[in-house]
Amino acid sequence: MIKNIVLAIDGSDPGKHAQDVAIDMASRYEANLTLVHVLTHDHPPNEFSQMAEVEDMLESHKPEVRGKEDTYKAIARFLGSENDEKEAKVIVLIGEQLLKNASKTASQAGVANVTTEIRSGDYANCILEVAKKADADIIVMGRRGLSKLKGFVTGSVSHKVSQRAECSVLTVR
């Protein structure tokens, strides 16, 4: 019986399909659903930065990442622009919005217990940590993420998760 489902969300098309599958499973099995988003290590698209500026979100935003004293500087280091925290703020905003939208969709589909986790660090390790914390019976994730190096690293995160997970892993195209 599936009681606890962890869904890794990244905003990619396979990730959106994985979201549909995980929400359907959680609804059918009346399972707990934990949504996890690991903050990207890549530069956000210009459209997202412009949208955040227009909405004055960057100046007033406080990160919701738990256990991180200085999230923006940590993300900026990944980006190689330690002094410019603007892109880092956009990355955090995108992650929070992805989780908010998925949580709303799950609730509307009848999933009673939805929790969210936003993390910073190695993608696979963070997903596995959340799965362990949630006592997951299954991890659902997209087969391929948003990496610009699609041909080179296709599926590397999903592969690492499936190889190291202590529970079942469902990768969705």
N, C-alpha and C. Protein backbone atom coordinates (compact mmCIF):
# COMPACT_ATOMS: atom_id res chain seq x y z
N MET A 1 0.84 -1.18 0.00
CA MET A 1 0.00 0.00 0.00
C MET A 1 0.88 1.24 0.00
N ILE A 2 0.53 2.21 -0.79
CA ILE A 2 1.26 3.46 -0.88
C ILE A 2 0.62 4.47 0.08
N LYS A 3 1.42 4.91 1.07
CA LYS A 3 0.93 5.87 2.06
C LYS A 3 1.61 7.23 1.93
N ASN A 4 2.86 7.22 1.48
CA ASN A 4 3.64 8.46 1.39
C ASN A 4 4.32 8.57 0.04
N ILE A 5 4.00 9.64 -0.68
CA ILE A 5 4.55 9.88 -2.01
C ILE A 5 5.37 11.16 -1.97
N VAL A 6 6.55 11.12 -2.56
CA VAL A 6 7.37 12.32 -2.72
C VAL A 6 7.41 12.63 -4.21
N LEU A 7 7.10 13.87 -4.54
CA LEU A 7 7.11 14.33 -5.92
C LEU A 7 8.18 15.39 -6.08
N ALA A 8 9.15 15.14 -6.96
CA ALA A 8 10.19 16.12 -7.27
C ALA A 8 9.69 17.01 -8.40
N ILE A 9 9.68 18.31 -8.16
CA ILE A 9 9.14 19.28 -9.11
C ILE A 9 10.26 20.19 -9.60
N ASP A 10 10.36 20.34 -10.93
CA ASP A 10 11.38 21.25 -11.47
C ASP A 10 10.86 22.18 -12.56
N GLY A 11 9.61 22.06 -12.93
CA GLY A 11 9.03 22.94 -13.95
C GLY A 11 9.21 22.45 -15.37
N SER A 12 9.90 21.33 -15.57
CA SER A 12 10.08 20.78 -16.91
C SER A 12 8.81 20.07 -17.37
N ASP A 13 8.72 19.78 -18.67
CA ASP A 13 7.56 19.05 -19.18
C ASP A 13 7.45 17.66 -18.55
N PRO A 14 8.54 16.87 -18.49
CA PRO A 14 8.43 15.58 -17.80
C PRO A 14 8.06 15.75 -16.32
N GLY A 15 8.54 16.84 -15.70
CA GLY A 15 8.19 17.13 -14.32
C GLY A 15 6.71 17.41 -14.15
N LYS A 16 6.12 18.09 -15.12
CA LYS A 16 4.68 18.37 -15.09
C LYS A 16 3.88 17.09 -15.26
N HIS A 17 4.35 16.19 -16.12
CA HIS A 17 3.68 14.90 -16.28
C HIS A 17 3.80 14.07 -14.99
N ALA A 18 4.97 14.13 -14.37
CA ALA A 18 5.18 13.43 -13.10
C ALA A 18 4.24 13.99 -12.03
N GLN A 19 4.04 15.29 -12.05
CA GLN A 19 3.12 15.92 -11.10
C GLN A 19 1.71 15.36 -11.27
N ASP A 20 1.25 15.26 -12.52
CA ASP A 20 -0.08 14.70 -12.77
C ASP A 20 -0.20 13.28 -12.24
N VAL A 21 0.82 12.47 -12.49
CA VAL A 21 0.81 11.06 -12.04
C VAL A 21 0.81 10.98 -10.53
N ALA A 22 1.67 11.75 -9.87
CA ALA A 22 1.78 11.70 -8.42
C ALA A 22 0.50 12.18 -7.74
N ILE A 23 -0.09 13.23 -8.26
CA ILE A 23 -1.34 13.74 -7.68
C ILE A 23 -2.45 12.72 -7.86
N ASP A 24 -2.51 12.09 -9.02
CA ASP A 24 -3.52 11.05 -9.26
C ASP A 24 -3.32 9.88 -8.28
N MET A 25 -2.08 9.46 -8.10
CA MET A 25 -1.78 8.37 -7.16
C MET A 25 -2.17 8.75 -5.73
N ALA A 26 -1.78 9.93 -5.33
CA ALA A 26 -2.08 10.38 -3.96
C ALA A 26 -3.58 10.45 -3.72
N SER A 27 -4.31 10.90 -4.71
CA SER A 27 -5.76 10.99 -4.60
C SER A 27 -6.40 9.59 -4.52
N ARG A 28 -5.97 8.70 -5.39
CA ARG A 28 -6.53 7.35 -5.43
C ARG A 28 -6.23 6.54 -4.17
N TYR A 29 -5.00 6.66 -3.67
CA TYR A 29 -4.58 5.88 -2.51
C TYR A 29 -4.77 6.62 -1.18
N GLU A 30 -5.29 7.85 -1.27
CA GLU A 30 -5.45 8.69 -0.07
C GLU A 30 -4.12 8.79 0.67
N ALA A 31 -3.07 9.00 -0.10
CA ALA A 31 -1.70 9.05 0.43
C ALA A 31 -1.29 10.48 0.76
N ASN A 32 -0.31 10.59 1.62
CA ASN A 32 0.33 11.88 1.90
C ASN A 32 1.21 12.22 0.71
N LEU A 33 1.23 13.48 0.34
CA LEU A 33 2.04 13.92 -0.80
C LEU A 33 3.01 15.01 -0.34
N THR A 34 4.29 14.74 -0.51
CA THR A 34 5.33 15.73 -0.21
C THR A 34 5.91 16.22 -1.52
N LEU A 35 5.83 17.51 -1.74
CA LEU A 35 6.36 18.14 -2.94
C LEU A 35 7.73 18.71 -2.61
N VAL A 36 8.71 18.39 -3.43
CA VAL A 36 10.06 18.91 -3.20
C VAL A 36 10.57 19.59 -4.46
N HIS A 37 11.15 20.77 -4.25
CA HIS A 37 11.81 21.48 -5.34
C HIS A 37 13.23 21.80 -4.87
N VAL A 38 14.20 21.43 -5.69
CA VAL A 38 15.59 21.76 -5.39
C VAL A 38 15.95 22.95 -6.28
N LEU A 39 16.41 24.00 -5.64
CA LEU A 39 16.71 25.24 -6.36
C LEU A 39 17.75 24.99 -7.44
N THR A 40 17.50 25.56 -8.61
CA THR A 40 18.36 25.36 -9.76
C THR A 40 19.75 25.95 -9.55
N HIS A 41 20.71 25.37 -10.21
CA HIS A 41 22.09 25.86 -10.18
C HIS A 41 22.40 26.63 -11.46
N ASP A 42 21.38 26.94 -12.24
CA ASP A 42 21.56 27.59 -13.52
C ASP A 42 20.95 28.99 -13.47
N HIS A 43 21.29 29.81 -14.43
CA HIS A 43 20.74 31.17 -14.50
C HIS A 43 19.27 31.08 -14.91
N PRO A 44 18.41 31.90 -14.28
CA PRO A 44 16.99 31.88 -14.67
C PRO A 44 16.79 32.58 -16.01
N PRO A 45 15.76 32.18 -16.75
CA PRO A 45 15.47 32.87 -18.01
C PRO A 45 15.19 34.35 -17.77
N ASN A 46 15.54 35.21 -18.72
CA ASN A 46 15.32 36.65 -18.59
C ASN A 46 13.86 37.00 -18.33
N GLU A 47 12.94 36.22 -18.92
CA GLU A 47 11.52 36.51 -18.75
C GLU A 47 11.11 36.44 -17.27
N PHE A 48 11.67 35.48 -16.54
CA PHE A 48 11.34 35.34 -15.12
C PHE A 48 11.89 36.52 -14.33
N SER A 49 13.09 36.94 -14.65
CA SER A 49 13.69 38.08 -13.96
C SER A 49 12.87 39.35 -14.19
N GLN A 50 12.47 39.57 -15.43
CA GLN A 50 11.68 40.75 -15.76
C GLN A 50 10.32 40.71 -15.07
N MET A 51 9.69 39.55 -15.04
CA MET A 51 8.39 39.40 -14.39
C MET A 51 8.51 39.72 -12.90
N ALA A 52 9.54 39.20 -12.25
CA ALA A 52 9.73 39.44 -10.82
C ALA A 52 9.96 40.92 -10.54
N GLU A 53 10.71 41.60 -11.42
CA GLU A 53 10.96 43.02 -11.24
C GLU A 53 9.68 43.82 -11.38
N VAL A 54 8.90 43.51 -12.39
CA VAL A 54 7.65 44.23 -12.64
C VAL A 54 6.72 44.11 -11.44
N GLU A 55 6.70 42.94 -10.84
CA GLU A 55 5.81 42.71 -9.71
C GLU A 55 6.43 43.15 -8.39
N ASP A 56 7.59 43.81 -8.43
CA ASP A 56 8.29 44.29 -7.23
C ASP A 56 8.49 43.18 -6.21
N MET A 57 8.66 41.99 -6.68
CA MET A 57 8.81 40.85 -5.78
C MET A 57 10.23 40.76 -5.22
N LEU A 58 11.20 41.19 -5.98
CA LEU A 58 12.58 40.99 -5.57
C LEU A 58 12.94 41.76 -4.31
N GLU A 59 12.46 42.97 -4.19
CA GLU A 59 12.84 43.81 -3.05
C GLU A 59 12.20 43.35 -1.75
N SER A 60 10.96 42.89 -1.81
CA SER A 60 10.24 42.58 -0.59
C SER A 60 10.30 41.11 -0.20
N HIS A 61 10.87 40.26 -1.04
CA HIS A 61 10.82 38.82 -0.81
C HIS A 61 11.80 38.34 0.25
N LYS A 62 11.30 37.49 1.13
CA LYS A 62 12.12 36.80 2.11
C LYS A 62 12.05 35.31 1.77
N PRO A 63 13.19 34.62 1.65
CA PRO A 63 13.17 33.21 1.25
C PRO A 63 12.50 32.33 2.29
N GLU A 64 11.81 31.28 1.82
CA GLU A 64 11.16 30.33 2.70
C GLU A 64 11.98 29.06 2.88
N VAL A 65 13.20 29.05 2.36
CA VAL A 65 14.05 27.87 2.46
C VAL A 65 14.41 27.66 3.92
N ARG A 66 14.05 26.51 4.43
CA ARG A 66 14.29 26.22 5.84
C ARG A 66 15.74 25.86 6.09
N GLY A 67 16.28 26.36 7.21
CA GLY A 67 17.61 25.97 7.63
C GLY A 67 18.74 26.62 6.86
N LYS A 68 18.46 27.62 6.09
CA LYS A 68 19.51 28.29 5.31
C LYS A 68 19.59 29.74 5.76
N GLU A 69 20.72 30.10 6.35
CA GLU A 69 20.91 31.46 6.85
C GLU A 69 20.95 32.49 5.73
N ASP A 70 21.67 32.17 4.66
CA ASP A 70 21.85 33.15 3.61
C ASP A 70 21.65 32.48 2.25
N THR A 71 20.42 32.14 1.99
CA THR A 71 20.06 31.39 0.79
C THR A 71 20.52 32.08 -0.49
N TYR A 72 20.28 33.36 -0.60
CA TYR A 72 20.60 34.05 -1.84
C TYR A 72 22.08 34.00 -2.16
N LYS A 73 22.93 34.19 -1.16
CA LYS A 73 24.37 34.14 -1.40
C LYS A 73 24.80 32.73 -1.78
N ALA A 74 24.18 31.72 -1.17
CA ALA A 74 24.53 30.33 -1.51
C ALA A 74 24.18 30.04 -2.97
N ILE A 75 23.01 30.46 -3.41
CA ILE A 75 22.60 30.24 -4.80
C ILE A 75 23.49 31.06 -5.73
N ALA A 76 23.79 32.28 -5.34
CA ALA A 76 24.65 33.13 -6.18
C ALA A 76 26.01 32.48 -6.39
N ARG A 77 26.54 31.78 -5.39
CA ARG A 77 27.81 31.08 -5.55
C ARG A 77 27.70 30.00 -6.62
N PHE A 78 26.57 29.28 -6.64
CA PHE A 78 26.36 28.27 -7.68
C PHE A 78 26.40 28.91 -9.06
N LEU A 79 25.86 30.12 -9.15
CA LEU A 79 25.77 30.81 -10.43
C LEU A 79 27.09 31.47 -10.82
N GLY A 80 28.02 31.56 -9.88
CA GLY A 80 29.29 32.20 -10.16
C GLY A 80 29.21 33.71 -10.13
N SER A 81 28.17 34.24 -9.48
CA SER A 81 28.02 35.70 -9.40
C SER A 81 27.72 36.09 -7.96
N GLU A 82 28.66 35.80 -7.09
CA GLU A 82 28.47 35.94 -5.66
C GLU A 82 27.99 37.32 -5.22
N ASN A 83 28.38 38.36 -5.94
CA ASN A 83 28.00 39.71 -5.54
C ASN A 83 26.62 40.12 -6.04
N ASP A 84 26.07 39.41 -7.01
CA ASP A 84 24.77 39.76 -7.55
C ASP A 84 23.74 38.74 -7.10
N GLU A 85 22.95 39.13 -6.12
CA GLU A 85 21.98 38.21 -5.54
C GLU A 85 20.63 38.27 -6.25
N LYS A 86 20.49 39.16 -7.23
CA LYS A 86 19.21 39.32 -7.93
C LYS A 86 18.76 38.02 -8.59
N GLU A 87 19.66 37.37 -9.33
CA GLU A 87 19.31 36.11 -9.99
C GLU A 87 18.94 35.04 -8.96
N ALA A 88 19.64 35.04 -7.85
CA ALA A 88 19.36 34.06 -6.80
C ALA A 88 17.95 34.26 -6.24
N LYS A 89 17.55 35.51 -6.08
CA LYS A 89 16.19 35.79 -5.60
C LYS A 89 15.16 35.28 -6.58
N VAL A 90 15.43 35.47 -7.86
CA VAL A 90 14.50 34.98 -8.89
C VAL A 90 14.38 33.46 -8.82
N ILE A 91 15.51 32.79 -8.63
CA ILE A 91 15.50 31.32 -8.55
C ILE A 91 14.65 30.85 -7.37
N VAL A 92 14.79 31.50 -6.23
CA VAL A 92 13.99 31.12 -5.06
C VAL A 92 12.51 31.39 -5.32
N LEU A 93 12.20 32.54 -5.92
CA LEU A 93 10.81 32.87 -6.23
C LEU A 93 10.18 31.84 -7.17
N ILE A 94 10.93 31.43 -8.19
CA ILE A 94 10.42 30.44 -9.14
C ILE A 94 10.12 29.13 -8.40
N GLY A 95 11.04 28.68 -7.57
CA GLY A 95 10.84 27.44 -6.83
C GLY A 95 9.62 27.50 -5.93
N GLU A 96 9.48 28.60 -5.22
CA GLU A 96 8.33 28.75 -4.33
C GLU A 96 7.02 28.76 -5.11
N GLN A 97 7.03 29.41 -6.27
CA GLN A 97 5.81 29.46 -7.08
C GLN A 97 5.46 28.09 -7.65
N LEU A 98 6.46 27.33 -8.08
CA LEU A 98 6.20 25.97 -8.58
C LEU A 98 5.54 25.13 -7.49
N LEU A 99 6.06 25.22 -6.27
CA LEU A 99 5.49 24.44 -5.17
C LEU A 99 4.09 24.91 -4.82
N LYS A 100 3.89 26.19 -4.82
CA LYS A 100 2.57 26.76 -4.49
C LYS A 100 1.52 26.28 -5.51
N ASN A 101 1.86 26.34 -6.80
CA ASN A 101 0.93 25.91 -7.85
C ASN A 101 0.64 24.42 -7.75
N ALA A 102 1.66 23.61 -7.54
CA ALA A 102 1.46 22.16 -7.44
C ALA A 102 0.64 21.80 -6.20
N SER A 103 0.89 22.48 -5.11
CA SER A 103 0.14 22.23 -3.88
C SER A 103 -1.34 22.56 -4.08
N LYS A 104 -1.61 23.66 -4.74
CA LYS A 104 -2.98 24.05 -5.03
C LYS A 104 -3.67 23.02 -5.93
N THR A 105 -2.96 22.58 -6.96
CA THR A 105 -3.51 21.57 -7.87
C THR A 105 -3.82 20.27 -7.13
N ALA A 106 -2.91 19.85 -6.26
CA ALA A 106 -3.12 18.62 -5.49
C ALA A 106 -4.32 18.75 -4.56
N SER A 107 -4.44 19.87 -3.90
CA SER A 107 -5.58 20.08 -2.99
C SER A 107 -6.89 20.07 -3.76
N GLN A 108 -6.90 20.71 -4.91
CA GLN A 108 -8.11 20.73 -5.73
C GLN A 108 -8.48 19.34 -6.25
N ALA A 109 -7.48 18.46 -6.38
CA ALA A 109 -7.72 17.09 -6.85
C ALA A 109 -8.15 16.18 -5.70
N GLY A 110 -8.22 16.72 -4.49
CA GLY A 110 -8.69 15.93 -3.36
C GLY A 110 -7.61 15.32 -2.49
N VAL A 111 -6.36 15.71 -2.70
CA VAL A 111 -5.28 15.21 -1.85
C VAL A 111 -5.36 15.97 -0.53
N ALA A 112 -5.59 15.24 0.54
CA ALA A 112 -5.85 15.87 1.85
C ALA A 112 -4.59 16.36 2.55
N ASN A 113 -3.49 15.64 2.41
CA ASN A 113 -2.29 15.99 3.15
C ASN A 113 -1.15 16.29 2.19
N VAL A 114 -0.91 17.58 1.95
CA VAL A 114 0.15 18.02 1.04
C VAL A 114 1.14 18.87 1.83
N THR A 115 2.41 18.51 1.76
CA THR A 115 3.46 19.33 2.38
C THR A 115 4.47 19.70 1.30
N THR A 116 5.21 20.76 1.55
CA THR A 116 6.20 21.21 0.58
C THR A 116 7.56 21.37 1.23
N GLU A 117 8.58 21.13 0.43
CA GLU A 117 9.98 21.31 0.85
C GLU A 117 10.71 21.99 -0.30
N ILE A 118 11.44 23.04 0.03
CA ILE A 118 12.31 23.67 -0.96
C ILE A 118 13.72 23.56 -0.41
N ARG A 119 14.63 23.08 -1.24
CA ARG A 119 15.99 22.80 -0.79
C ARG A 119 17.00 23.44 -1.72
N SER A 120 18.20 23.56 -1.22
CA SER A 120 19.33 24.04 -2.00
C SER A 120 20.46 23.03 -1.83
N GLY A 121 21.04 22.61 -2.94
CA GLY A 121 22.14 21.65 -2.87
C GLY A 121 22.11 20.70 -4.05
N ASP A 122 22.75 19.56 -3.88
CA ASP A 122 22.77 18.54 -4.91
C ASP A 122 21.36 18.02 -5.13
N TYR A 123 20.91 18.01 -6.37
CA TYR A 123 19.54 17.64 -6.69
C TYR A 123 19.17 16.27 -6.14
N ALA A 124 19.92 15.27 -6.49
CA ALA A 124 19.59 13.90 -6.09
C ALA A 124 19.64 13.75 -4.57
N ASN A 125 20.69 14.27 -3.95
CA ASN A 125 20.81 14.14 -2.49
C ASN A 125 19.63 14.80 -1.77
N CYS A 126 19.23 15.96 -2.22
CA CYS A 126 18.10 16.66 -1.59
C CYS A 126 16.81 15.86 -1.73
N ILE A 127 16.56 15.34 -2.91
CA ILE A 127 15.34 14.53 -3.13
C ILE A 127 15.36 13.31 -2.22
N LEU A 128 16.50 12.65 -2.13
CA LEU A 128 16.62 11.47 -1.28
C LEU A 128 16.46 11.80 0.20
N GLU A 129 16.98 12.94 0.63
CA GLU A 129 16.82 13.36 2.02
C GLU A 129 15.35 13.60 2.36
N VAL A 130 14.64 14.26 1.45
CA VAL A 130 13.22 14.53 1.67
C VAL A 130 12.44 13.22 1.69
N ALA A 131 12.78 12.30 0.79
CA ALA A 131 12.11 11.00 0.75
C ALA A 131 12.30 10.24 2.06
N LYS A 132 13.50 10.28 2.58
CA LYS A 132 13.77 9.60 3.85
C LYS A 132 12.99 10.25 4.99
N LYS A 133 13.01 11.56 5.03
CA LYS A 133 12.28 12.31 6.07
C LYS A 133 10.78 12.02 6.01
N ALA A 134 10.24 11.89 4.81
CA ALA A 134 8.81 11.66 4.62
C ALA A 134 8.43 10.19 4.72
N ASP A 135 9.43 9.33 4.92
CA ASP A 135 9.19 7.88 4.94
C ASP A 135 8.45 7.44 3.67
N ALA A 136 8.98 7.89 2.54
CA ALA A 136 8.33 7.68 1.25
C ALA A 136 8.26 6.21 0.86
N ASP A 137 7.13 5.86 0.30
CA ASP A 137 6.95 4.55 -0.31
C ASP A 137 7.35 4.60 -1.78
N ILE A 138 7.25 5.81 -2.35
CA ILE A 138 7.60 5.99 -3.76
C ILE A 138 7.99 7.45 -4.01
N ILE A 139 8.98 7.62 -4.88
CA ILE A 139 9.38 8.94 -5.36
C ILE A 139 8.93 9.01 -6.81
N VAL A 140 8.25 10.09 -7.18
CA VAL A 140 7.81 10.30 -8.55
C VAL A 140 8.55 11.53 -9.07
N MET A 141 9.15 11.38 -10.25
CA MET A 141 9.91 12.49 -10.83
C MET A 141 9.96 12.37 -12.35
N GLY A 142 10.26 13.50 -12.98
CA GLY A 142 10.42 13.49 -14.43
C GLY A 142 11.70 12.78 -14.82
N ARG A 143 11.69 12.21 -15.99
CA ARG A 143 12.86 11.48 -16.49
C ARG A 143 14.01 12.43 -16.82
N ARG A 144 13.69 13.63 -17.25
CA ARG A 144 14.70 14.60 -17.65
C ARG A 144 14.28 15.97 -17.11
N GLY A 145 15.24 16.73 -16.64
CA GLY A 145 14.96 18.04 -16.07
C GLY A 145 15.22 19.17 -17.05
N LEU A 146 15.58 20.31 -16.52
CA LEU A 146 15.74 21.52 -17.31
C LEU A 146 17.17 21.82 -17.72
N SER A 147 18.08 20.91 -17.52
CA SER A 147 19.49 21.18 -17.80
C SER A 147 19.71 21.60 -19.24
N LYS A 148 20.62 22.56 -19.44
CA LYS A 148 20.98 22.98 -20.79
C LYS A 148 21.86 21.94 -21.48
N LEU A 149 22.43 21.05 -20.71
CA LEU A 149 23.30 20.00 -21.25
C LEU A 149 22.51 18.71 -21.44
N LYS A 150 21.31 18.81 -22.00
CA LYS A 150 20.41 17.66 -22.10
C LYS A 150 21.07 16.42 -22.68
N GLY A 151 21.80 16.58 -23.74
CA GLY A 151 22.41 15.42 -24.38
C GLY A 151 23.46 14.74 -23.52
N PHE A 152 24.13 15.53 -22.68
CA PHE A 152 25.23 15.00 -21.90
C PHE A 152 24.77 14.41 -20.56
N VAL A 153 23.87 15.09 -19.89
CA VAL A 153 23.48 14.65 -18.56
C VAL A 153 22.03 14.17 -18.48
N THR A 154 21.46 13.78 -19.59
CA THR A 154 20.07 13.35 -19.61
C THR A 154 19.83 12.28 -18.56
N GLY A 155 18.91 12.59 -17.67
CA GLY A 155 18.50 11.60 -16.69
C GLY A 155 19.47 11.36 -15.56
N SER A 156 20.53 12.15 -15.44
CA SER A 156 21.52 11.86 -14.41
C SER A 156 20.94 11.97 -13.01
N VAL A 157 20.07 12.94 -12.75
CA VAL A 157 19.45 13.07 -11.43
C VAL A 157 18.48 11.91 -11.19
N SER A 158 17.63 11.63 -12.16
CA SER A 158 16.69 10.52 -11.98
C SER A 158 17.43 9.20 -11.85
N HIS A 159 18.53 9.06 -12.56
CA HIS A 159 19.33 7.84 -12.45
C HIS A 159 19.93 7.70 -11.05
N LYS A 160 20.53 8.77 -10.54
CA LYS A 160 21.11 8.74 -9.19
C LYS A 160 20.04 8.44 -8.14
N VAL A 161 18.89 9.07 -8.27
CA VAL A 161 17.81 8.84 -7.30
C VAL A 161 17.35 7.39 -7.36
N SER A 162 17.13 6.87 -8.56
CA SER A 162 16.65 5.49 -8.66
C SER A 162 17.67 4.48 -8.17
N GLN A 163 18.95 4.78 -8.33
CA GLN A 163 19.99 3.86 -7.88
C GLN A 163 20.17 3.88 -6.36
N ARG A 164 19.92 5.02 -5.73
CA ARG A 164 20.22 5.16 -4.31
C ARG A 164 19.00 5.19 -3.39
N ALA A 165 17.81 5.28 -3.94
CA ALA A 165 16.61 5.39 -3.13
C ALA A 165 16.33 4.11 -2.35
N GLU A 166 15.79 4.30 -1.16
CA GLU A 166 15.40 3.16 -0.32
C GLU A 166 13.94 2.77 -0.55
N CYS A 167 13.32 3.38 -1.55
CA CYS A 167 11.93 3.08 -1.89
C CYS A 167 11.82 2.97 -3.41
N SER A 168 10.64 2.72 -3.88
CA SER A 168 10.41 2.67 -5.34
C SER A 168 10.56 4.06 -5.93
N VAL A 169 10.96 4.10 -7.20
CA VAL A 169 11.07 5.38 -7.92
C VAL A 169 10.37 5.22 -9.26
N LEU A 170 9.48 6.16 -9.54
CA LEU A 170 8.78 6.17 -10.82
C LEU A 170 9.25 7.38 -11.60
N THR A 171 9.89 7.14 -12.75
CA THR A 171 10.29 8.26 -13.61
C THR A 171 9.30 8.35 -14.75
N VAL A 172 8.88 9.57 -15.03
CA VAL A 172 7.82 9.83 -15.99
C VAL A 172 8.37 10.63 -17.15
N ARG A 173 7.97 10.26 -18.37
CA ARG A 173 8.39 10.99 -19.57
C ARG A 173 7.59 12.24 -19.77
